[in-house]
PDB file of all heavy atoms in Angstrom:
ATOM      1  N   LYS A   1       0.841  -1.180   0.020  1.00  0.00           N
ATOM      2  CA  LYS A   1      -0.054  -0.029   0.011  1.00  0.00           C
ATOM      3  C   LYS A   1       0.858   1.222  -0.065  1.00  0.00           C
ATOM      4  O   LYS A   1       2.113   1.208   0.455  1.00  0.00           O
ATOM      5  CB  LYS A   1      -0.876   0.017   1.305  1.00  0.00           C
ATOM      6  CG  LYS A   1      -1.857  -1.163   1.257  1.00  0.00           C
ATOM      7  CD  LYS A   1      -2.716  -1.155   2.520  1.00  0.00           C
ATOM      8  CE  LYS A   1      -3.616  -2.320   2.666  1.00  0.00           C
ATOM      9  NZ  LYS A   1      -4.360  -2.409   3.893  1.00  0.00           N
ATOM     10  N   SER A   2       0.273   2.383  -0.467  1.00  0.00           N
ATOM     11  CA  SER A   2       0.989   3.667  -0.342  1.00  0.00           C
ATOM     12  C   SER A   2      -0.006   4.652   0.427  1.00  0.00           C
ATOM     13  O   SER A   2      -1.170   4.548   0.281  1.00  0.00           O
ATOM     14  CB  SER A   2       1.138   4.274  -1.664  1.00  0.00           C
ATOM     15  OG  SER A   2      -0.029   4.417  -2.451  1.00  0.00           O
ATOM     16  N   THR A   3       0.593   5.321   1.295  1.00  0.00           N
ATOM     17  CA  THR A   3      -0.083   6.136   2.167  1.00  0.00           C
ATOM     18  C   THR A   3      -0.122   7.612   1.605  1.00  0.00           C
ATOM     19  O   THR A   3       0.831   8.131   1.139  1.00  0.00           O
ATOM     20  CB  THR A   3       0.519   6.252   3.616  1.00  0.00           C
ATOM     21  OG1 THR A   3       0.546   4.930   4.128  1.00  0.00           O
ATOM     22  CG2 THR A   3      -0.330   7.095   4.449  1.00  0.00           C
ATOM     23  N   LYS A   4      -1.404   8.266   1.588  1.00  0.00           N
ATOM     24  CA  LYS A   4      -1.425   9.599   1.226  1.00  0.00           C
ATOM     25  C   LYS A   4      -2.365  10.335   2.156  1.00  0.00           C
ATOM     26  O   LYS A   4      -3.339   9.764   2.675  1.00  0.00           O
ATOM     27  CB  LYS A   4      -1.847   9.825  -0.194  1.00  0.00           C
ATOM     28  CG  LYS A   4      -3.180   9.280  -0.554  1.00  0.00           C
ATOM     29  CD  LYS A   4      -3.392   9.446  -2.089  1.00  0.00           C
ATOM     30  CE  LYS A   4      -4.663   8.899  -2.619  1.00  0.00           C
ATOM     31  NZ  LYS A   4      -5.023   9.121  -3.975  1.00  0.00           N
ATOM     32  N   THR A   5      -2.256  11.684   2.386  1.00  0.00           N
ATOM     33  CA  THR A   5      -3.138  12.413   3.222  1.00  0.00           C
ATOM     34  C   THR A   5      -4.309  12.934   2.477  1.00  0.00           C
ATOM     35  O   THR A   5      -4.107  13.503   1.440  1.00  0.00           O
ATOM     36  CB  THR A   5      -2.293  13.578   3.899  1.00  0.00           C
ATOM     37  OG1 THR A   5      -1.173  13.073   4.590  1.00  0.00           O
ATOM     38  CG2 THR A   5      -3.194  14.368   4.896  1.00  0.00           C
ATOM     39  N   MET A   6      -5.517  12.643   3.020  1.00  0.00           N
ATOM     40  CA  MET A   6      -6.725  13.035   2.276  1.00  0.00           C
ATOM     41  C   MET A   6      -7.401  14.248   2.961  1.00  0.00           C
ATOM     42  O   MET A   6      -7.278  14.394   4.297  1.00  0.00           O
ATOM     43  CB  MET A   6      -7.670  11.833   2.309  1.00  0.00           C
ATOM     44  CG  MET A   6      -7.123  10.610   1.749  1.00  0.00           C
ATOM     45  SD  MET A   6      -6.620  10.813  -0.002  1.00  0.00           S
ATOM     46  CE  MET A   6      -8.186  11.331  -0.836  1.00  0.00           C
ATOM     47  N   LYS A   7      -8.008  15.052   2.195  1.00  0.00           N
ATOM     48  CA  LYS A   7      -8.876  16.229   2.746  1.00  0.00           C
ATOM     49  C   LYS A   7     -10.215  15.796   2.750  1.00  0.00           C
ATOM     50  O   LYS A   7     -10.713  15.440   1.707  1.00  0.00           O
ATOM     51  CB  LYS A   7      -8.471  17.412   1.877  1.00  0.00           C
ATOM     52  CG  LYS A   7      -9.348  18.623   2.405  1.00  0.00           C
ATOM     53  CD  LYS A   7      -9.127  19.820   1.415  1.00  0.00           C
ATOM     54  CE  LYS A   7     -10.066  21.051   1.760  1.00  0.00           C
ATOM     55  NZ  LYS A   7      -9.913  22.073   0.843  1.00  0.00           N
ATOM     56  N   SER A   8     -11.006  15.917   3.841  1.00  0.00           N
ATOM     57  CA  SER A   8     -12.401  15.893   3.828  1.00  0.00           C
ATOM     58  C   SER A   8     -13.095  16.965   4.632  1.00  0.00           C
ATOM     59  O   SER A   8     -12.416  17.805   5.251  1.00  0.00           O
ATOM     60  CB  SER A   8     -12.785  14.505   4.390  1.00  0.00           C
ATOM     61  OG  SER A   8     -12.744  14.642   5.893  1.00  0.00           O
ATOM     62  N   ASN A   9     -14.367  16.938   4.514  1.00  0.00           N
ATOM     63  CA  ASN A   9     -15.124  18.108   5.263  1.00  0.00           C
ATOM     64  C   ASN A   9     -14.982  17.806   6.811  1.00  0.00           C
ATOM     65  O   ASN A   9     -15.307  18.727   7.609  1.00  0.00           O
ATOM     66  CB  ASN A   9     -16.622  18.056   4.924  1.00  0.00           C
ATOM     67  CG  ASN A   9     -16.757  18.587   3.447  1.00  0.00           C
ATOM     68  OD1 ASN A   9     -16.037  19.364   2.979  1.00  0.00           O
ATOM     69  ND2 ASN A   9     -17.805  18.133   2.835  1.00  0.00           N
ATOM     70  N   LEU A  10     -14.640  16.650   7.197  1.00  0.00           N
ATOM     71  CA  LEU A  10     -14.321  16.423   8.599  1.00  0.00           C
ATOM     72  C   LEU A  10     -12.944  16.706   9.058  1.00  0.00           C
ATOM     73  O   LEU A  10     -12.654  16.631  10.218  1.00  0.00           O
ATOM     74  CB  LEU A  10     -14.658  14.873   8.888  1.00  0.00           C
ATOM     75  CG  LEU A  10     -16.119  14.523   8.902  1.00  0.00           C
ATOM     76  CD1 LEU A  10     -16.320  12.952   8.823  1.00  0.00           C
ATOM     77  CD2 LEU A  10     -16.954  15.104   9.998  1.00  0.00           C
ATOM     78  N   GLY A  11     -12.099  16.891   8.027  1.00  0.00           N
ATOM     79  CA  GLY A  11     -10.729  17.167   8.403  1.00  0.00           C
ATOM     80  C   GLY A  11      -9.723  16.312   7.654  1.00  0.00           C
ATOM     81  O   GLY A  11     -10.171  15.527   6.657  1.00  0.00           O
ATOM     82  N   LEU A  12      -8.342  16.384   7.926  1.00  0.00           N
ATOM     83  CA  LEU A  12      -7.408  15.606   7.204  1.00  0.00           C
ATOM     84  C   LEU A  12      -7.255  14.241   7.938  1.00  0.00           C
ATOM     85  O   LEU A  12      -7.350  14.100   9.109  1.00  0.00           O
ATOM     86  CB  LEU A  12      -6.084  16.272   7.298  1.00  0.00           C
ATOM     87  CG  LEU A  12      -5.991  17.666   6.641  1.00  0.00           C
ATOM     88  CD1 LEU A  12      -4.579  18.300   6.840  1.00  0.00           C
ATOM     89  CD2 LEU A  12      -6.317  17.632   5.125  1.00  0.00           C
ATOM     90  N   PHE A  13      -6.949  13.251   7.068  1.00  0.00           N
ATOM     91  CA  PHE A  13      -6.684  11.849   7.507  1.00  0.00           C
ATOM     92  C   PHE A  13      -5.860  11.148   6.592  1.00  0.00           C
ATOM     93  O   PHE A  13      -5.772  11.432   5.442  1.00  0.00           O
ATOM     94  CB  PHE A  13      -7.965  11.121   7.866  1.00  0.00           C
ATOM     95  CG  PHE A  13      -8.732  10.787   6.629  1.00  0.00           C
ATOM     96  CD1 PHE A  13      -8.640   9.644   5.846  1.00  0.00           C
ATOM     97  CD2 PHE A  13      -9.809  11.782   6.337  1.00  0.00           C
ATOM     98  CE1 PHE A  13      -9.487   9.399   4.767  1.00  0.00           C
ATOM     99  CE2 PHE A  13     -10.629  11.520   5.184  1.00  0.00           C
ATOM    100  CZ  PHE A  13     -10.435  10.334   4.479  1.00  0.00           C
ATOM    101  N   ASP A  14      -5.150  10.063   7.038  1.00  0.00           N
ATOM    102  CA  ASP A  14      -4.274   9.205   6.168  1.00  0.00           C
ATOM    103  C   ASP A  14      -5.076   8.046   5.611  1.00  0.00           C
ATOM    104  O   ASP A  14      -5.782   7.410   6.327  1.00  0.00           O
ATOM    105  CB  ASP A  14      -3.087   8.662   6.991  1.00  0.00           C
ATOM    106  CG  ASP A  14      -2.094   9.919   7.220  1.00  0.00           C
ATOM    107  OD1 ASP A  14      -1.967  10.802   6.511  1.00  0.00           O
ATOM    108  OD2 ASP A  14      -1.395   9.705   8.234  1.00  0.00           O
ATOM    109  N   LEU A  15      -4.867   7.755   4.369  1.00  0.00           N
ATOM    110  CA  LEU A  15      -5.398   6.765   3.711  1.00  0.00           C
ATOM    111  C   LEU A  15      -4.431   5.743   3.051  1.00  0.00           C
ATOM    112  O   LEU A  15      -3.430   6.244   2.352  1.00  0.00           O
ATOM    113  CB  LEU A  15      -6.374   7.173   2.559  1.00  0.00           C
ATOM    114  CG  LEU A  15      -7.292   6.135   1.918  1.00  0.00           C
ATOM    115  CD1 LEU A  15      -8.287   5.707   2.954  1.00  0.00           C
ATOM    116  CD2 LEU A  15      -8.100   6.920   0.791  1.00  0.00           C
ATOM    117  N   ASP A  16      -4.454   4.475   3.284  1.00  0.00           N
ATOM    118  CA  ASP A  16      -3.544   3.539   2.719  1.00  0.00           C
ATOM    119  C   ASP A  16      -4.159   2.999   1.388  1.00  0.00           C
ATOM    120  O   ASP A  16      -5.122   2.194   1.515  1.00  0.00           O
ATOM    121  CB  ASP A  16      -3.281   2.351   3.766  1.00  0.00           C
ATOM    122  CG  ASP A  16      -2.507   2.857   4.943  1.00  0.00           C
ATOM    123  OD1 ASP A  16      -1.692   3.705   4.813  1.00  0.00           O
ATOM    124  OD2 ASP A  16      -2.784   2.364   6.039  1.00  0.00           O
ATOM    125  N   VAL A  17      -3.583   3.404   0.214  1.00  0.00           N
ATOM    126  CA  VAL A  17      -4.181   2.924  -1.009  1.00  0.00           C
ATOM    127  C   VAL A  17      -3.575   1.600  -1.452  1.00  0.00           C
ATOM    128  O   VAL A  17      -2.288   1.554  -1.581  1.00  0.00           O
ATOM    129  CB  VAL A  17      -3.997   4.020  -2.085  1.00  0.00           C
ATOM    130  CG1 VAL A  17      -4.562   3.584  -3.395  1.00  0.00           C
ATOM    131  CG2 VAL A  17      -4.534   5.322  -1.545  1.00  0.00           C
ATOM    132  N   PRO A  18      -4.247   0.520  -1.677  1.00  0.00           N
ATOM    133  CA  PRO A  18      -3.683  -0.765  -2.077  1.00  0.00           C
ATOM    134  C   PRO A  18      -3.099  -0.589  -3.433  1.00  0.00           C
ATOM    135  O   PRO A  18      -3.596   0.108  -4.314  1.00  0.00           O
ATOM    136  CB  PRO A  18      -4.882  -1.674  -1.969  1.00  0.00           C
ATOM    137  CG  PRO A  18      -6.114  -0.856  -2.047  1.00  0.00           C
ATOM    138  CD  PRO A  18      -5.690   0.460  -1.475  1.00  0.00           C
ATOM    139  N   ARG A  19      -2.028  -1.308  -3.770  1.00  0.00           N
ATOM    140  CA  ARG A  19      -1.408  -1.404  -5.017  1.00  0.00           C
ATOM    141  C   ARG A  19      -1.351  -2.821  -5.605  1.00  0.00           C
ATOM    142  O   ARG A  19      -1.336  -3.806  -4.785  1.00  0.00           O
ATOM    143  CB  ARG A  19      -0.048  -0.906  -5.003  1.00  0.00           C
ATOM    144  CG  ARG A  19       0.206   0.483  -4.465  1.00  0.00           C
ATOM    145  CD  ARG A  19       1.655   1.006  -4.505  1.00  0.00           C
ATOM    146  NE  ARG A  19       2.357   0.131  -3.509  1.00  0.00           N
ATOM    147  CZ  ARG A  19       3.578   0.441  -3.089  1.00  0.00           C
ATOM    148  NH1 ARG A  19       4.209   1.558  -3.447  1.00  0.00           N
ATOM    149  NH2 ARG A  19       4.164  -0.378  -2.091  1.00  0.00           N
ATOM    150  N   ASP A  20      -1.301  -2.991  -6.885  1.00  0.00           N
ATOM    151  CA  ASP A  20      -1.128  -4.324  -7.415  1.00  0.00           C
ATOM    152  C   ASP A  20       0.231  -4.265  -8.306  1.00  0.00           C
ATOM    153  O   ASP A  20       0.829  -3.302  -8.585  1.00  0.00           O
ATOM    154  CB  ASP A  20      -2.306  -4.577  -8.376  1.00  0.00           C
ATOM    155  CG  ASP A  20      -2.328  -3.644  -9.592  1.00  0.00           C
ATOM    156  OD1 ASP A  20      -1.920  -2.505  -9.402  1.00  0.00           O
ATOM    157  OD2 ASP A  20      -2.703  -4.164 -10.726  1.00  0.00           O
ATOM    158  N   ARG A  21       0.726  -5.511  -8.515  1.00  0.00           N
ATOM    159  CA  ARG A  21       2.034  -5.696  -9.056  1.00  0.00           C
ATOM    160  C   ARG A  21       2.125  -5.148 -10.521  1.00  0.00           C
ATOM    161  O   ARG A  21       3.175  -4.634 -10.962  1.00  0.00           O
ATOM    162  CB  ARG A  21       2.548  -7.168  -8.961  1.00  0.00           C
ATOM    163  CG  ARG A  21       2.746  -7.644  -7.550  1.00  0.00           C
ATOM    164  CD  ARG A  21       3.612  -8.940  -7.541  1.00  0.00           C
ATOM    165  NE  ARG A  21       3.881  -9.339  -6.167  1.00  0.00           N
ATOM    166  CZ  ARG A  21       4.867  -8.803  -5.497  1.00  0.00           C
ATOM    167  NH1 ARG A  21       5.665  -7.914  -5.911  1.00  0.00           N
ATOM    168  NH2 ARG A  21       5.004  -9.127  -4.203  1.00  0.00           N
ATOM    169  N   GLU A  22       1.095  -5.372 -11.260  1.00  0.00           N
ATOM    170  CA  GLU A  22       1.114  -4.830 -12.651  1.00  0.00           C
ATOM    171  C   GLU A  22       0.884  -3.375 -12.808  1.00  0.00           C
ATOM    172  O   GLU A  22       0.940  -2.889 -13.836  1.00  0.00           O
ATOM    173  CB  GLU A  22       0.104  -5.641 -13.442  1.00  0.00           C
ATOM    174  CG  GLU A  22       0.312  -7.098 -13.547  1.00  0.00           C
ATOM    175  CD  GLU A  22      -0.705  -7.825 -14.272  1.00  0.00           C
ATOM    176  OE1 GLU A  22      -1.687  -7.269 -14.712  1.00  0.00           O
ATOM    177  OE2 GLU A  22      -0.474  -9.139 -14.477  1.00  0.00           O
ATOM    178  N   GLY A  23       0.479  -2.703 -11.647  1.00  0.00           N
ATOM    179  CA  GLY A  23       0.074  -1.319 -11.704  1.00  0.00           C
ATOM    180  C   GLY A  23      -1.111  -0.967 -12.573  1.00  0.00           C
ATOM    181  O   GLY A  23      -1.197   0.205 -13.093  1.00  0.00           O
ATOM    182  N   SER A  24      -1.995  -1.886 -12.636  1.00  0.00           N
ATOM    183  CA  SER A  24      -3.185  -1.669 -13.499  1.00  0.00           C
ATOM    184  C   SER A  24      -4.432  -1.289 -12.653  1.00  0.00           C
ATOM    185  O   SER A  24      -5.412  -0.967 -13.236  1.00  0.00           O
ATOM    186  CB  SER A  24      -3.535  -2.932 -14.339  1.00  0.00           C
ATOM    187  OG  SER A  24      -3.714  -4.055 -13.460  1.00  0.00           O
ATOM    188  N   PHE A  25      -4.265  -1.248 -11.353  1.00  0.00           N
ATOM    189  CA  PHE A  25      -5.448  -0.820 -10.502  1.00  0.00           C
ATOM    190  C   PHE A  25      -5.706   0.636 -10.470  1.00  0.00           C
ATOM    191  O   PHE A  25      -4.813   1.377 -10.225  1.00  0.00           O
ATOM    192  CB  PHE A  25      -5.138  -1.362  -8.997  1.00  0.00           C
ATOM    193  CG  PHE A  25      -6.265  -1.027  -8.064  1.00  0.00           C
ATOM    194  CD1 PHE A  25      -7.577  -1.355  -8.350  1.00  0.00           C
ATOM    195  CD2 PHE A  25      -5.997  -0.402  -6.932  1.00  0.00           C
ATOM    196  CE1 PHE A  25      -8.499  -0.997  -7.392  1.00  0.00           C
ATOM    197  CE2 PHE A  25      -6.883  -0.023  -6.023  1.00  0.00           C
ATOM    198  CZ  PHE A  25      -8.292  -0.387  -6.320  1.00  0.00           C
ATOM    199  N   GLU A  26      -6.940   0.951 -10.928  1.00  0.00           N
ATOM    200  CA  GLU A  26      -7.269   2.377 -11.004  1.00  0.00           C
ATOM    201  C   GLU A  26      -8.586   2.473 -10.048  1.00  0.00           C
ATOM    202  O   GLU A  26      -9.722   2.169 -10.511  1.00  0.00           O
ATOM    203  CB  GLU A  26      -7.663   2.802 -12.457  1.00  0.00           C
ATOM    204  CG  GLU A  26      -6.491   2.788 -13.300  1.00  0.00           C
ATOM    205  CD  GLU A  26      -5.588   4.055 -13.155  1.00  0.00           C
ATOM    206  OE1 GLU A  26      -6.134   4.900 -12.361  1.00  0.00           O
ATOM    207  OE2 GLU A  26      -4.486   4.071 -13.791  1.00  0.00           O
ATOM    208  N   PRO A  27      -8.485   2.828  -8.887  1.00  0.00           N
ATOM    209  CA  PRO A  27      -9.592   2.968  -7.948  1.00  0.00           C
ATOM    210  C   PRO A  27     -10.502   4.007  -8.347  1.00  0.00           C
ATOM    211  O   PRO A  27     -10.198   5.017  -8.943  1.00  0.00           O
ATOM    212  CB  PRO A  27      -8.972   3.238  -6.576  1.00  0.00           C
ATOM    213  CG  PRO A  27      -7.636   3.785  -6.892  1.00  0.00           C
ATOM    214  CD  PRO A  27      -7.216   3.173  -8.202  1.00  0.00           C
ATOM    215  N   ALA A  28     -11.825   3.789  -8.160  1.00  0.00           N
ATOM    216  CA  ALA A  28     -12.859   4.734  -8.546  1.00  0.00           C
ATOM    217  C   ALA A  28     -13.336   5.592  -7.433  1.00  0.00           C
ATOM    218  O   ALA A  28     -13.524   6.852  -7.659  1.00  0.00           O
ATOM    219  CB  ALA A  28     -14.074   3.965  -9.073  1.00  0.00           C
ATOM    220  N   ILE A  29     -13.285   5.040  -6.215  1.00  0.00           N
ATOM    221  CA  ILE A  29     -13.741   5.869  -5.030  1.00  0.00           C
ATOM    222  C   ILE A  29     -12.811   6.969  -4.708  1.00  0.00           C
ATOM    223  O   ILE A  29     -13.138   8.119  -4.414  1.00  0.00           O
ATOM    224  CB  ILE A  29     -14.031   5.036  -3.799  1.00  0.00           C
ATOM    225  CG1 ILE A  29     -14.575   5.753  -2.648  1.00  0.00           C
ATOM    226  CG2 ILE A  29     -12.893   4.228  -3.487  1.00  0.00           C
ATOM    227  CD1 ILE A  29     -15.925   6.426  -2.852  1.00  0.00           C
ATOM    228  N   VAL A  30     -11.398   6.685  -4.780  1.00  0.00           N
ATOM    229  CA  VAL A  30     -10.364   7.653  -4.591  1.00  0.00           C
ATOM    230  C   VAL A  30      -9.431   7.432  -5.681  1.00  0.00           C
ATOM    231  O   VAL A  30      -8.592   6.502  -5.537  1.00  0.00           O
ATOM    232  CB  VAL A  30      -9.731   7.528  -3.063  1.00  0.00           C
ATOM    233  CG1 VAL A  30      -8.618   8.586  -3.035  1.00  0.00           C
ATOM    234  CG2 VAL A  30     -10.795   7.697  -2.083  1.00  0.00           C
ATOM    235  N   LYS A  31      -9.268   8.299  -6.634  1.00  0.00           N
ATOM    236  CA  LYS A  31      -8.464   8.147  -7.782  1.00  0.00           C
ATOM    237  C   LYS A  31      -6.947   8.272  -7.390  1.00  0.00           C
ATOM    238  O   LYS A  31      -6.700   8.926  -6.399  1.00  0.00           O
ATOM    239  CB  LYS A  31      -8.902   9.114  -8.896  1.00  0.00           C
ATOM    240  CG  LYS A  31     -10.299   8.881  -9.349  1.00  0.00           C
ATOM    241  CD  LYS A  31     -10.731   9.594 -10.646  1.00  0.00           C
ATOM    242  CE  LYS A  31     -12.199   9.398 -10.951  1.00  0.00           C
ATOM    243  NZ  LYS A  31     -12.435   7.942 -11.227  1.00  0.00           N
ATOM    244  N   LYS A  32      -6.130   7.956  -8.285  1.00  0.00           N
ATOM    245  CA  LYS A  32      -4.680   7.838  -7.970  1.00  0.00           C
ATOM    246  C   LYS A  32      -4.197   9.028  -7.390  1.00  0.00           C
ATOM    247  O   LYS A  32      -3.373   9.119  -6.471  1.00  0.00           O
ATOM    248  CB  LYS A  32      -3.903   7.309  -9.231  1.00  0.00           C
ATOM    249  CG  LYS A  32      -3.852   5.840  -9.390  1.00  0.00           C
ATOM    250  CD  LYS A  32      -2.911   5.353 -10.429  1.00  0.00           C
ATOM    251  CE  LYS A  32      -2.886   3.869 -10.437  1.00  0.00           C
ATOM    252  NZ  LYS A  32      -1.920   3.363 -11.479  1.00  0.00           N
ATOM    253  N   HIS A  33      -4.365  10.276  -8.042  1.00  0.00           N
ATOM    254  CA  HIS A  33      -3.780  11.425  -7.670  1.00  0.00           C
ATOM    255  C   HIS A  33      -4.725  12.278  -6.804  1.00  0.00           C
ATOM    256  O   HIS A  33      -4.450  13.496  -6.644  1.00  0.00           O
ATOM    257  CB  HIS A  33      -3.184  12.193  -8.863  1.00  0.00           C
ATOM    258  CG  HIS A  33      -2.262  11.385  -9.582  1.00  0.00           C
ATOM    259  ND1 HIS A  33      -0.928  11.152  -9.110  1.00  0.00           N
ATOM    260  CD2 HIS A  33      -2.278  10.776 -10.764  1.00  0.00           C
ATOM    261  CE1 HIS A  33      -0.243  10.419  -9.917  1.00  0.00           C
ATOM    262  NE2 HIS A  33      -1.031  10.154 -11.077  1.00  0.00           N
ATOM    263  N   GLN A  34      -5.861  11.764  -6.526  1.00  0.00           N
ATOM    264  CA  GLN A  34      -6.797  12.567  -5.769  1.00  0.00           C
ATOM    265  C   GLN A  34      -6.443  12.603  -4.276  1.00  0.00           C
ATOM    266  O   GLN A  34      -6.152  11.636  -3.649  1.00  0.00           O
ATOM    267  CB  GLN A  34      -8.300  11.855  -6.003  1.00  0.00           C
ATOM    268  CG  GLN A  34      -9.311  12.699  -5.252  1.00  0.00           C
ATOM    269  CD  GLN A  34     -10.670  11.948  -5.476  1.00  0.00           C
ATOM    270  OE1 GLN A  34     -10.820  11.014  -6.176  1.00  0.00           O
ATOM    271  NE2 GLN A  34     -11.688  12.352  -4.668  1.00  0.00           N
ATOM    272  N   THR A  35      -6.636  13.879  -3.651  1.00  0.00           N
ATOM    273  CA  THR A  35      -6.343  14.023  -2.256  1.00  0.00           C
ATOM    274  C   THR A  35      -7.504  14.644  -1.479  1.00  0.00           C
ATOM    275  O   THR A  35      -7.507  14.972  -0.325  1.00  0.00           O
ATOM    276  CB  THR A  35      -5.043  14.867  -1.990  1.00  0.00           C
ATOM    277  OG1 THR A  35      -5.218  16.041  -2.648  1.00  0.00           O
ATOM    278  CG2 THR A  35      -3.858  14.117  -2.548  1.00  0.00           C
ATOM    279  N   ASP A  36      -8.611  14.924  -2.242  1.00  0.00           N
ATOM    280  CA  ASP A  36      -9.811  15.512  -1.677  1.00  0.00           C
ATOM    281  C   ASP A  36     -11.044  14.667  -1.877  1.00  0.00           C
ATOM    282  O   ASP A  36     -11.364  14.315  -2.938  1.00  0.00           O
ATOM    283  CB  ASP A  36     -10.034  16.951  -2.378  1.00  0.00           C
ATOM    284  CG  ASP A  36     -11.061  17.737  -1.546  1.00  0.00           C
ATOM    285  OD1 ASP A  36     -11.848  17.112  -0.889  1.00  0.00           O
ATOM    286  OD2 ASP A  36     -11.081  18.957  -1.811  1.00  0.00           O
ATOM    287  N   VAL A  37     -11.607  14.176  -0.773  1.00  0.00           N
ATOM    288  CA  VAL A  37     -12.829  13.243  -0.858  1.00  0.00           C
ATOM    289  C   VAL A  37     -14.023  13.984  -0.230  1.00  0.00           C
ATOM    290  O   VAL A  37     -15.060  13.342   0.125  1.00  0.00           O
ATOM    291  CB  VAL A  37     -12.500  11.988  -0.085  1.00  0.00           C
ATOM    292  CG1 VAL A  37     -11.615  11.174  -0.924  1.00  0.00           C
ATOM    293  CG2 VAL A  37     -12.125  12.143   1.325  1.00  0.00           C
ATOM    294  N   SER A  38     -13.993  15.221  -0.103  1.00  0.00           N
ATOM    295  CA  SER A  38     -15.155  15.903   0.444  1.00  0.00           C
ATOM    296  C   SER A  38     -16.472  15.768  -0.470  1.00  0.00           C
ATOM    297  O   SER A  38     -17.501  15.978  -0.049  1.00  0.00           O
ATOM    298  CB  SER A  38     -14.895  17.432   0.707  1.00  0.00           C
ATOM    299  OG  SER A  38     -14.431  17.971  -0.542  1.00  0.00           O
ATOM    300  N   HIS A  39     -16.182  15.331  -1.809  1.00  0.00           N
ATOM    301  CA  HIS A  39     -17.189  15.250  -2.734  1.00  0.00           C
ATOM    302  C   HIS A  39     -18.223  14.112  -2.369  1.00  0.00           C
ATOM    303  O   HIS A  39     -19.335  14.185  -2.486  1.00  0.00           O
ATOM    304  CB  HIS A  39     -16.707  14.975  -4.186  1.00  0.00           C
ATOM    305  CG  HIS A  39     -16.108  13.514  -4.222  1.00  0.00           C
ATOM    306  ND1 HIS A  39     -14.880  13.239  -3.798  1.00  0.00           N
ATOM    307  CD2 HIS A  39     -16.643  12.520  -4.882  1.00  0.00           C
ATOM    308  CE1 HIS A  39     -14.576  11.970  -4.050  1.00  0.00           C
ATOM    309  NE2 HIS A  39     -15.652  11.545  -4.632  1.00  0.00           N
ATOM    310  N   LEU A  40     -17.568  12.998  -1.690  1.00  0.00           N
ATOM    311  CA  LEU A  40     -18.394  11.990  -1.309  1.00  0.00           C
ATOM    312  C   LEU A  40     -19.483  12.354  -0.185  1.00  0.00           C
ATOM    313  O   LEU A  40     -20.525  11.972  -0.225  1.00  0.00           O
ATOM    314  CB  LEU A  40     -17.527  10.740  -0.795  1.00  0.00           C
ATOM    315  CG  LEU A  40     -18.255   9.564  -0.365  1.00  0.00           C
ATOM    316  CD1 LEU A  40     -19.106   8.908  -1.485  1.00  0.00           C
ATOM    317  CD2 LEU A  40     -17.195   8.495   0.215  1.00  0.00           C
ATOM    318  N   GLU A  41     -18.840  13.075   0.754  1.00  0.00           N
ATOM    319  CA  GLU A  41     -19.768  13.628   1.802  1.00  0.00           C
ATOM    320  C   GLU A  41     -20.802  14.507   1.318  1.00  0.00           C
ATOM    321  O   GLU A  41     -21.981  14.392   1.651  1.00  0.00           O
ATOM    322  CB  GLU A  41     -18.904  14.381   2.901  1.00  0.00           C
ATOM    323  CG  GLU A  41     -17.823  13.452   3.643  1.00  0.00           C
ATOM    324  CD  GLU A  41     -16.896  14.382   4.501  1.00  0.00           C
ATOM    325  OE1 GLU A  41     -17.121  15.582   4.606  1.00  0.00           O
ATOM    326  OE2 GLU A  41     -15.967  13.823   4.912  1.00  0.00           O
ATOM    327  N   SER A  42     -20.330  15.330   0.341  1.00  0.00           N
ATOM    328  CA  SER A  42     -21.340  16.245  -0.331  1.00  0.00           C
ATOM    329  C   SER A  42     -22.494  15.462  -0.942  1.00  0.00           C
ATOM    330  O   SER A  42     -23.575  15.810  -1.060  1.00  0.00           O
ATOM    331  CB  SER A  42     -20.654  17.249  -1.294  1.00  0.00           C
ATOM    332  OG  SER A  42     -19.840  17.988  -0.514  1.00  0.00           O
ATOM    333  N   ALA A  43     -21.996  14.365  -1.769  1.00  0.00           N
ATOM    334  CA  ALA A  43     -22.869  13.557  -2.495  1.00  0.00           C
ATOM    335  C   ALA A  43     -23.915  12.901  -1.442  1.00  0.00           C
ATOM    336  O   ALA A  43     -25.170  12.853  -1.822  1.00  0.00           O
ATOM    337  CB  ALA A  43     -22.146  12.479  -3.261  1.00  0.00           C
TER     338      ALA A  43
END
């Protein structure tokens, strides 16, 4: 996993993003270079 700091309406928190060996994993809920997830709370 790789750790990145996320911004949300509740504040900052660390998120461990899982990785795969082929590097083909493209998460939908939190995209690779995304660091702001306040949209989910807004949704």
